[in-house]
Amino acid sequence: MKRALIASIFALGLAITGVASAADLEGTVKTIQINERVMTLSDGTQLHWTESITVSQDIQEGASVRATYEPEGDKYVLTRIEVLK
């Protein structure tokens, strides 16, 4: 019983940590470098993405976007992005 309780608490801690590390922001795209997979917003924030993220062709310089990202080391890595209309 004790082991099950400890395992449950550990799993809950991991879940909370994962949720807490994600963040959202809104901004205007200043530059986008498709080959390097880097987008810079007008406030200077750089968002990186991996092959698993599809960046729509609607996302161009000047577009307003809402991005969800996770800090990984000294980078912000996109997990989701959408164009605001």
PDB file of N, CA and C in Angstrom:
ATOM      1  N   MET A   1       0.824  -1.193   0.000  1.00  0.00           N
ATOM      2  CA  MET A   1       0.000   0.000   0.000  1.00  0.00           C
ATOM      3  C   MET A   1       0.869   1.259   0.000  1.00  0.00           C
ATOM      4  N   LYS A   2       1.936   1.237   0.820  1.00  0.00           N
ATOM      5  CA  LYS A   2       2.826   2.383   0.880  1.00  0.00           C
ATOM      6  C   LYS A   2       3.489   2.636  -0.472  1.00  0.00           C
ATOM      7  N   ARG A   3       3.908   1.568  -1.130  1.00  0.00           N
ATOM      8  CA  ARG A   3       4.560   1.710  -2.435  1.00  0.00           C
ATOM      9  C   ARG A   3       3.621   2.332  -3.457  1.00  0.00           C
ATOM     10  N   ALA A   4       2.377   1.898  -3.446  1.00  0.00           N
ATOM     11  CA  ALA A   4       1.397   2.442  -4.393  1.00  0.00           C
ATOM     12  C   ALA A   4       1.172   3.924  -4.130  1.00  0.00           C
ATOM     13  N   LEU A   5       1.108   4.309  -2.878  1.00  0.00           N
ATOM     14  CA  LEU A   5       0.913   5.713  -2.518  1.00  0.00           C
ATOM     15  C   LEU A   5       2.115   6.547  -2.963  1.00  0.00           C
ATOM     16  N   ILE A   6       3.309   6.052  -2.725  1.00  0.00           N
ATOM     17  CA  ILE A   6       4.510   6.778  -3.118  1.00  0.00           C
ATOM     18  C   ILE A   6       4.581   6.895  -4.645  1.00  0.00           C
ATOM     19  N   ALA A   7       4.268   5.822  -5.352  1.00  0.00           N
ATOM     20  CA  ALA A   7       4.274   5.854  -6.812  1.00  0.00           C
ATOM     21  C   ALA A   7       3.253   6.856  -7.331  1.00  0.00           C
ATOM     22  N   SER A   8       2.087   6.909  -6.726  1.00  0.00           N
ATOM     23  CA  SER A   8       1.044   7.853  -7.143  1.00  0.00           C
ATOM     24  C   SER A   8       1.488   9.293  -6.915  1.00  0.00           C
ATOM     25  N   ILE A   9       2.088   9.556  -5.781  1.00  0.00           N
ATOM     26  CA  ILE A   9       2.558  10.911  -5.483  1.00  0.00           C
ATOM     27  C   ILE A   9       3.658  11.312  -6.459  1.00  0.00           C
ATOM     28  N   PHE A  10       4.556  10.401  -6.760  1.00  0.00           N
ATOM     29  CA  PHE A  10       5.633  10.674  -7.712  1.00  0.00           C
ATOM     30  C   PHE A  10       5.068  10.988  -9.101  1.00  0.00           C
ATOM     31  N   ALA A  11       4.117  10.182  -9.553  1.00  0.00           N
ATOM     32  CA  ALA A  11       3.500  10.389 -10.868  1.00  0.00           C
ATOM     33  C   ALA A  11       2.767  11.727 -10.909  1.00  0.00           C
ATOM     34  N   LEU A  12       2.074  12.071  -9.851  1.00  0.00           N
ATOM     35  CA  LEU A  12       1.368  13.344  -9.775  1.00  0.00           C
ATOM     36  C   LEU A  12       2.362  14.495  -9.835  1.00  0.00           C
ATOM     37  N   GLY A  13       3.470  14.361  -9.145  1.00  0.00           N
ATOM     38  CA  GLY A  13       4.514  15.391  -9.176  1.00  0.00           C
ATOM     39  C   GLY A  13       5.062  15.594 -10.577  1.00  0.00           C
ATOM     40  N   LEU A  14       5.291  14.511 -11.301  1.00  0.00           N
ATOM     41  CA  LEU A  14       5.767  14.623 -12.682  1.00  0.00           C
ATOM     42  C   LEU A  14       4.735  15.311 -13.560  1.00  0.00           C
ATOM     43  N   ALA A  15       3.475  14.962 -13.385  1.00  0.00           N
ATOM     44  CA  ALA A  15       2.404  15.572 -14.184  1.00  0.00           C
ATOM     45  C   ALA A  15       2.303  17.070 -13.914  1.00  0.00           C
ATOM     46  N   ILE A  16       2.385  17.448 -12.658  1.00  0.00           N
ATOM     47  CA  ILE A  16       2.291  18.866 -12.303  1.00  0.00           C
ATOM     48  C   ILE A  16       3.489  19.620 -12.861  1.00  0.00           C
ATOM     49  N   THR A  17       4.668  19.052 -12.765  1.00  0.00           N
ATOM     50  CA  THR A  17       5.866  19.693 -13.286  1.00  0.00           C
ATOM     51  C   THR A  17       5.755  19.901 -14.789  1.00  0.00           C
ATOM     52  N   GLY A  18       5.251  18.919 -15.518  1.00  0.00           N
ATOM     53  CA  GLY A  18       5.091  19.044 -16.963  1.00  0.00           C
ATOM     54  C   GLY A  18       4.124  20.133 -17.330  1.00  0.00           C
ATOM     55  N   VAL A  19       3.018  20.234 -16.629  1.00  0.00           N
ATOM     56  CA  VAL A  19       2.014  21.249 -16.920  1.00  0.00           C
ATOM     57  C   VAL A  19       2.535  22.632 -16.562  1.00  0.00           C
ATOM     58  N   ALA A  20       3.231  22.736 -15.456  1.00  0.00           N
ATOM     59  CA  ALA A  20       3.704  24.029 -14.982  1.00  0.00           C
ATOM     60  C   ALA A  20       4.791  24.608 -15.882  1.00  0.00           C
ATOM     61  N   SER A  21       5.514  23.778 -16.614  1.00  0.00           N
ATOM     62  CA  SER A  21       6.612  24.293 -17.411  1.00  0.00           C
ATOM     63  C   SER A  21       6.148  24.891 -18.738  1.00  0.00           C
ATOM     64  N   ALA A  22       4.962  24.544 -19.209  1.00  0.00           N
ATOM     65  CA  ALA A  22       4.453  25.107 -20.460  1.00  0.00           C
ATOM     66  C   ALA A  22       3.937  26.524 -20.204  1.00  0.00           C
ATOM     67  N   ALA A  23       4.093  27.374 -21.219  1.00  0.00           N
ATOM     68  CA  ALA A  23       3.624  28.749 -21.088  1.00  0.00           C
ATOM     69  C   ALA A  23       3.035  29.198 -22.421  1.00  0.00           C
ATOM     70  N   ASP A  24       2.180  30.212 -22.359  1.00  0.00           N
ATOM     71  CA  ASP A  24       1.560  30.788 -23.544  1.00  0.00           C
ATOM     72  C   ASP A  24       1.995  32.237 -23.682  1.00  0.00           C
ATOM     73  N   LEU A  25       2.050  32.697 -24.909  1.00  0.00           N
ATOM     74  CA  LEU A  25       2.272  34.113 -25.149  1.00  0.00           C
ATOM     75  C   LEU A  25       1.652  34.497 -26.473  1.00  0.00           C
ATOM     76  N   GLU A  26       1.357  35.778 -26.608  1.00  0.00           N
ATOM     77  CA  GLU A  26       0.836  36.318 -27.857  1.00  0.00           C
ATOM     78  C   GLU A  26       1.795  37.391 -28.322  1.00  0.00           C
ATOM     79  N   GLY A  27       1.954  37.508 -29.631  1.00  0.00           N
ATOM     80  CA  GLY A  27       2.847  38.521 -30.169  1.00  0.00           C
ATOM     81  C   GLY A  27       2.746  38.617 -31.671  1.00  0.00           C
ATOM     82  N   THR A  28       3.560  39.493 -32.224  1.00  0.00           N
ATOM     83  CA  THR A  28       3.621  39.709 -33.663  1.00  0.00           C
ATOM     84  C   THR A  28       4.940  39.155 -34.183  1.00  0.00           C
ATOM     85  N   VAL A  29       4.872  38.398 -35.272  1.00  0.00           N
ATOM     86  CA  VAL A  29       6.072  37.796 -35.848  1.00  0.00           C
ATOM     87  C   VAL A  29       6.908  38.890 -36.502  1.00  0.00           C
ATOM     88  N   LYS A  30       8.143  39.015 -36.053  1.00  0.00           N
ATOM     89  CA  LYS A  30       9.082  39.972 -36.645  1.00  0.00           C
ATOM     90  C   LYS A  30       9.837  39.304 -37.792  1.00  0.00           C
ATOM     91  N   THR A  31      10.402  38.132 -37.519  1.00  0.00           N
ATOM     92  CA  THR A  31      11.091  37.369 -38.563  1.00  0.00           C
ATOM     93  C   THR A  31      10.782  35.888 -38.372  1.00  0.00           C
ATOM     94  N   ILE A  32      10.859  35.160 -39.465  1.00  0.00           N
ATOM     95  CA  ILE A  32      10.687  33.706 -39.404  1.00  0.00           C
ATOM     96  C   ILE A  32      11.722  33.082 -40.333  1.00  0.00           C
ATOM     97  N   GLN A  33      12.475  32.145 -39.799  1.00  0.00           N
ATOM     98  CA  GLN A  33      13.510  31.454 -40.555  1.00  0.00           C
ATOM     99  C   GLN A  33      13.136  29.984 -40.608  1.00  0.00           C
ATOM    100  N   ILE A  34      12.502  29.591 -41.685  1.00  0.00           N
ATOM    101  CA  ILE A  34      11.974  28.231 -41.825  1.00  0.00           C
ATOM    102  C   ILE A  34      13.088  27.190 -41.757  1.00  0.00           C
ATOM    103  N   ASN A  35      14.175  27.381 -42.490  1.00  0.00           N
ATOM    104  CA  ASN A  35      15.250  26.379 -42.518  1.00  0.00           C
ATOM    105  C   ASN A  35      15.900  26.182 -41.154  1.00  0.00           C
ATOM    106  N   GLU A  36      16.013  27.258 -40.366  1.00  0.00           N
ATOM    107  CA  GLU A  36      16.617  27.175 -39.038  1.00  0.00           C
ATOM    108  C   GLU A  36      15.594  26.831 -37.960  1.00  0.00           C
ATOM    109  N   ARG A  37      14.302  26.863 -38.338  1.00  0.00           N
ATOM    110  CA  ARG A  37      13.191  26.608 -37.416  1.00  0.00           C
ATOM    111  C   ARG A  37      13.218  27.569 -36.223  1.00  0.00           C
ATOM    112  N   VAL A  38      13.318  28.864 -36.552  1.00  0.00           N
ATOM    113  CA  VAL A  38      13.332  29.901 -35.519  1.00  0.00           C
ATOM    114  C   VAL A  38      12.411  31.035 -35.943  1.00  0.00           C
ATOM    115  N   MET A  39      11.594  31.479 -34.995  1.00  0.00           N
ATOM    116  CA  MET A  39      10.704  32.608 -35.209  1.00  0.00           C
ATOM    117  C   MET A  39      11.019  33.646 -34.133  1.00  0.00           C
ATOM    118  N   THR A  40      11.161  34.901 -34.541  1.00  0.00           N
ATOM    119  CA  THR A  40      11.414  35.970 -33.582  1.00  0.00           C
ATOM    120  C   THR A  40      10.190  36.877 -33.547  1.00  0.00           C
ATOM    121  N   LEU A  41       9.714  37.149 -32.345  1.00  0.00           N
ATOM    122  CA  LEU A  41       8.570  38.038 -32.180  1.00  0.00           C
ATOM    123  C   LEU A  41       9.056  39.473 -32.033  1.00  0.00           C
ATOM    124  N   SER A  42       8.138  40.427 -32.152  1.00  0.00           N
ATOM    125  CA  SER A  42       8.504  41.844 -32.117  1.00  0.00           C
ATOM    126  C   SER A  42       9.143  42.253 -30.791  1.00  0.00           C
ATOM    127  N   ASP A  43       8.887  41.500 -29.714  1.00  0.00           N
ATOM    128  CA  ASP A  43       9.502  41.822 -28.423  1.00  0.00           C
ATOM    129  C   ASP A  43      10.881  41.172 -28.254  1.00  0.00           C
ATOM    130  N   GLY A  44      11.354  40.469 -29.303  1.00  0.00           N
ATOM    131  CA  GLY A  44      12.667  39.841 -29.258  1.00  0.00           C
ATOM    132  C   GLY A  44      12.669  38.383 -28.839  1.00  0.00           C
ATOM    133  N   THR A  45      11.528  37.865 -28.399  1.00  0.00           N
ATOM    134  CA  THR A  45      11.429  36.465 -27.994  1.00  0.00           C
ATOM    135  C   THR A  45      11.673  35.561 -29.194  1.00  0.00           C
ATOM    136  N   GLN A  46      12.566  34.592 -29.037  1.00  0.00           N
ATOM    137  CA  GLN A  46      12.816  33.625 -30.100  1.00  0.00           C
ATOM    138  C   GLN A  46      12.175  32.299 -29.737  1.00  0.00           C
ATOM    139  N   LEU A  47      11.411  31.770 -30.684  1.00  0.00           N
ATOM    140  CA  LEU A  47      10.737  30.489 -30.517  1.00  0.00           C
ATOM    141  C   LEU A  47      11.316  29.505 -31.522  1.00  0.00           C
ATOM    142  N   HIS A  48      11.721  28.352 -31.037  1.00  0.00           N
ATOM    143  CA  HIS A  48      12.298  27.308 -31.879  1.00  0.00           C
ATOM    144  C   HIS A  48      11.279  26.183 -32.008  1.00  0.00           C
ATOM    145  N   TRP A  49      11.347  25.423 -33.090  1.00  0.00           N
ATOM    146  CA  TRP A  49      10.454  24.275 -33.208  1.00  0.00           C
ATOM    147  C   TRP A  49      11.201  23.098 -33.799  1.00  0.00           C
ATOM    148  N   THR A  50      10.640  21.922 -33.561  1.00  0.00           N
ATOM    149  CA  THR A  50      11.228  20.678 -34.051  1.00  0.00           C
ATOM    150  C   THR A  50      10.434  20.201 -35.258  1.00  0.00           C
ATOM    151  N   GLU A  51      10.876  19.101 -35.846  1.00  0.00           N
ATOM    152  CA  GLU A  51      10.189  18.542 -37.010  1.00  0.00           C
ATOM    153  C   GLU A  51       8.762  18.107 -36.682  1.00  0.00           C
ATOM    154  N   SER A  52       8.482  17.845 -35.412  1.00  0.00           N
ATOM    155  CA  SER A  52       7.154  17.368 -35.035  1.00  0.00           C
ATOM    156  C   SER A  52       6.102  18.481 -35.035  1.00  0.00           C
ATOM    157  N   ILE A  53       6.521  19.737 -35.138  1.00  0.00           N
ATOM    158  CA  ILE A  53       5.593  20.865 -35.159  1.00  0.00           C
ATOM    159  C   ILE A  53       5.451  21.365 -36.591  1.00  0.00           C
ATOM    160  N   THR A  54       4.225  21.541 -37.039  1.00  0.00           N
ATOM    161  CA  THR A  54       3.960  22.095 -38.363  1.00  0.00           C
ATOM    162  C   THR A  54       3.661  23.578 -38.211  1.00  0.00           C
ATOM    163  N   VAL A  55       4.456  24.395 -38.885  1.00  0.00           N
ATOM    164  CA  VAL A  55       4.237  25.836 -38.864  1.00  0.00           C
ATOM    165  C   VAL A  55       3.519  26.203 -40.157  1.00  0.00           C
ATOM    166  N   SER A  56       2.314  26.687 -40.022  1.00  0.00           N
ATOM    167  CA  SER A  56       1.463  27.019 -41.170  1.00  0.00           C
ATOM    168  C   SER A  56       2.082  28.119 -42.025  1.00  0.00           C
ATOM    169  N   GLN A  57       1.781  28.068 -43.309  1.00  0.00           N
ATOM    170  CA  GLN A  57       2.242  29.124 -44.211  1.00  0.00           C
ATOM    171  C   GLN A  57       1.532  30.438 -43.931  1.00  0.00           C
ATOM    172  N   ASP A  58       0.442  30.404 -43.151  1.00  0.00           N
ATOM    173  CA  ASP A  58      -0.250  31.630 -42.747  1.00  0.00           C
ATOM    174  C   ASP A  58       0.585  32.431 -41.755  1.00  0.00           C
ATOM    175  N   ILE A  59       1.566  31.783 -41.155  1.00  0.00           N
ATOM    176  CA  ILE A  59       2.416  32.457 -40.181  1.00  0.00           C
ATOM    177  C   ILE A  59       3.567  33.099 -40.929  1.00  0.00           C
ATOM    178  N   GLN A  60       3.433  34.406 -41.121  1.00  0.00           N
ATOM    179  CA  GLN A  60       4.425  35.190 -41.855  1.00  0.00           C
ATOM    180  C   GLN A  60       4.788  36.407 -41.032  1.00  0.00           C
ATOM    181  N   GLU A  61       5.796  37.131 -41.476  1.00  0.00           N
ATOM    182  CA  GLU A  61       6.183  38.359 -40.792  1.00  0.00           C
ATOM    183  C   GLU A  61       4.984  39.292 -40.714  1.00  0.00           C
ATOM    184  N   GLY A  62       4.744  39.832 -39.537  1.00  0.00           N
ATOM    185  CA  GLY A  62       3.622  40.730 -39.314  1.00  0.00           C
ATOM    186  C   GLY A  62       2.379  40.046 -38.781  1.00  0.00           C
ATOM    187  N   ALA A  63       2.344  38.713 -38.794  1.00  0.00           N
ATOM    188  CA  ALA A  63       1.172  37.974 -38.301  1.00  0.00           C
ATOM    189  C   ALA A  63       1.124  38.008 -36.772  1.00  0.00           C
ATOM    190  N   SER A  64      -0.083  38.126 -36.243  1.00  0.00           N
ATOM    191  CA  SER A  64      -0.276  38.018 -34.798  1.00  0.00           C
ATOM    192  C   SER A  64      -0.489  36.550 -34.471  1.00  0.00           C
ATOM    193  N   VAL A  65       0.239  36.051 -33.469  1.00  0.00           N
ATOM    194  CA  VAL A  65       0.183  34.630 -33.139  1.00  0.00           C
ATOM    195  C   VAL A  65       0.006  34.415 -31.642  1.00  0.00           C
ATOM    196  N   ARG A  66      -0.514  33.254 -31.316  1.00  0.00           N
ATOM    197  CA  ARG A  66      -0.556  32.768 -29.942  1.00  0.00           C
ATOM    198  C   ARG A  66       0.269  31.489 -29.934  1.00  0.00           C
ATOM    199  N   ALA A  67       1.271  31.435 -29.080  1.00  0.00           N
ATOM    200  CA  ALA A  67       2.177  30.294 -29.047  1.00  0.00           C
ATOM    201  C   ALA A  67       2.201  29.658 -27.664  1.00  0.00           C
ATOM    202  N   THR A  68       2.275  28.357 -27.649  1.00  0.00           N
ATOM    203  CA  THR A  68       2.514  27.610 -26.423  1.00  0.00           C
ATOM    204  C   THR A  68       3.908  27.023 -26.564  1.00  0.00           C
ATOM    205  N   TYR A  69       4.706  27.191 -25.534  1.00  0.00           N
ATOM    206  CA  TYR A  69       6.091  26.737 -25.610  1.00  0.00           C
ATOM    207  C   TYR A  69       6.533  26.158 -24.272  1.00  0.00           C
ATOM    208  N   GLU A  70       7.644  25.452 -24.323  1.00  0.00           N
ATOM    209  CA  GLU A  70       8.267  24.928 -23.115  1.00  0.00           C
ATOM    210  C   GLU A  70       9.718  25.365 -23.096  1.00  0.00           C
ATOM    211  N   PRO A  71      10.176  25.890 -21.962  1.00  0.00           N
ATOM    212  CA  PRO A  71      11.593  26.231 -21.867  1.00  0.00           C
ATOM    213  C   PRO A  71      12.437  24.955 -21.872  1.00  0.00           C
ATOM    214  N   GLU A  72      13.452  24.928 -22.701  1.00  0.00           N
ATOM    215  CA  GLU A  72      14.394  23.809 -22.745  1.00  0.00           C
ATOM    216  C   GLU A  72      15.789  24.400 -22.781  1.00  0.00           C
ATOM    217  N   GLY A  73      16.438  24.386 -21.649  1.00  0.00           N
ATOM    218  CA  GLY A  73      17.747  25.028 -21.549  1.00  0.00           C
ATOM    219  C   GLY A  73      17.576  26.523 -21.727  1.00  0.00           C
ATOM    220  N   ASP A  74      18.302  27.077 -22.697  1.00  0.00           N
ATOM    221  CA  ASP A  74      18.208  28.512 -22.952  1.00  0.00           C
ATOM    222  C   ASP A  74      17.293  28.840 -24.134  1.00  0.00           C
ATOM    223  N   LYS A  75      16.481  27.857 -24.573  1.00  0.00           N
ATOM    224  CA  LYS A  75      15.575  28.046 -25.704  1.00  0.00           C
ATOM    225  C   LYS A  75      14.125  27.905 -25.274  1.00  0.00           C
ATOM    226  N   TYR A  76      13.245  28.546 -26.054  1.00  0.00           N
ATOM    227  CA  TYR A  76      11.807  28.333 -25.930  1.00  0.00           C
ATOM    228  C   TYR A  76      11.400  27.473 -27.120  1.00  0.00           C
ATOM    229  N   VAL A  77      10.877  26.287 -26.845  1.00  0.00           N
ATOM    230  CA  VAL A  77      10.524  25.339 -27.900  1.00  0.00           C
ATOM    231  C   VAL A  77       9.006  25.293 -28.053  1.00  0.00           C
ATOM    232  N   LEU A  78       8.532  25.574 -29.274  1.00  0.00           N
ATOM    233  CA  LEU A  78       7.095  25.579 -29.560  1.00  0.00           C
ATOM    234  C   LEU A  78       6.485  24.205 -29.384  1.00  0.00           C
ATOM    235  N   THR A  79       5.310  24.181 -28.780  1.00  0.00           N
ATOM    236  CA  THR A  79       4.526  22.956 -28.743  1.00  0.00           C
ATOM    237  C   THR A  79       3.229  23.147 -29.516  1.00  0.00           C
ATOM    238  N   ARG A  80       2.843  24.426 -29.724  1.00  0.00           N
ATOM    239  CA  ARG A  80       1.618  24.742 -30.470  1.00  0.00           C
ATOM    240  C   ARG A  80       1.669  26.209 -30.874  1.00  0.00           C
ATOM    241  N   ILE A  81       1.164  26.510 -32.069  1.00  0.00           N
ATOM    242  CA  ILE A  81       1.103  27.905 -32.512  1.00  0.00           C
ATOM    243  C   ILE A  81      -0.117  28.093 -33.393  1.00  0.00           C
ATOM    244  N   GLU A  82      -0.746  29.250 -33.265  1.00  0.00           N
ATOM    245  CA  GLU A  82      -1.905  29.571 -34.107  1.00  0.00           C
ATOM    246  C   GLU A  82      -1.883  31.050 -34.467  1.00  0.00           C
ATOM    247  N   VAL A  83      -2.438  31.355 -35.628  1.00  0.00           N
ATOM    248  CA  VAL A  83      -2.559  32.731 -36.090  1.00  0.00           C
ATOM    249  C   VAL A  83      -3.821  33.326 -35.481  1.00  0.00           C
ATOM    250  N   LEU A  84      -3.702  34.532 -34.935  1.00  0.00           N
ATOM    251  CA  LEU A  84      -4.863  35.240 -34.392  1.00  0.00           C
ATOM    252  C   LEU A  84      -5.458  36.090 -35.494  1.00  0.00           C
ATOM    253  N   LYS A  85      -6.763  36.088 -35.581  1.00  0.00           N
ATOM    254  CA  LYS A  85      -7.430  36.860 -36.632  1.00  0.00           C
ATOM    255  C   LYS A  85      -8.054  38.095 -36.068  1.00  0.00           C
TER     256      LYS A  85
END
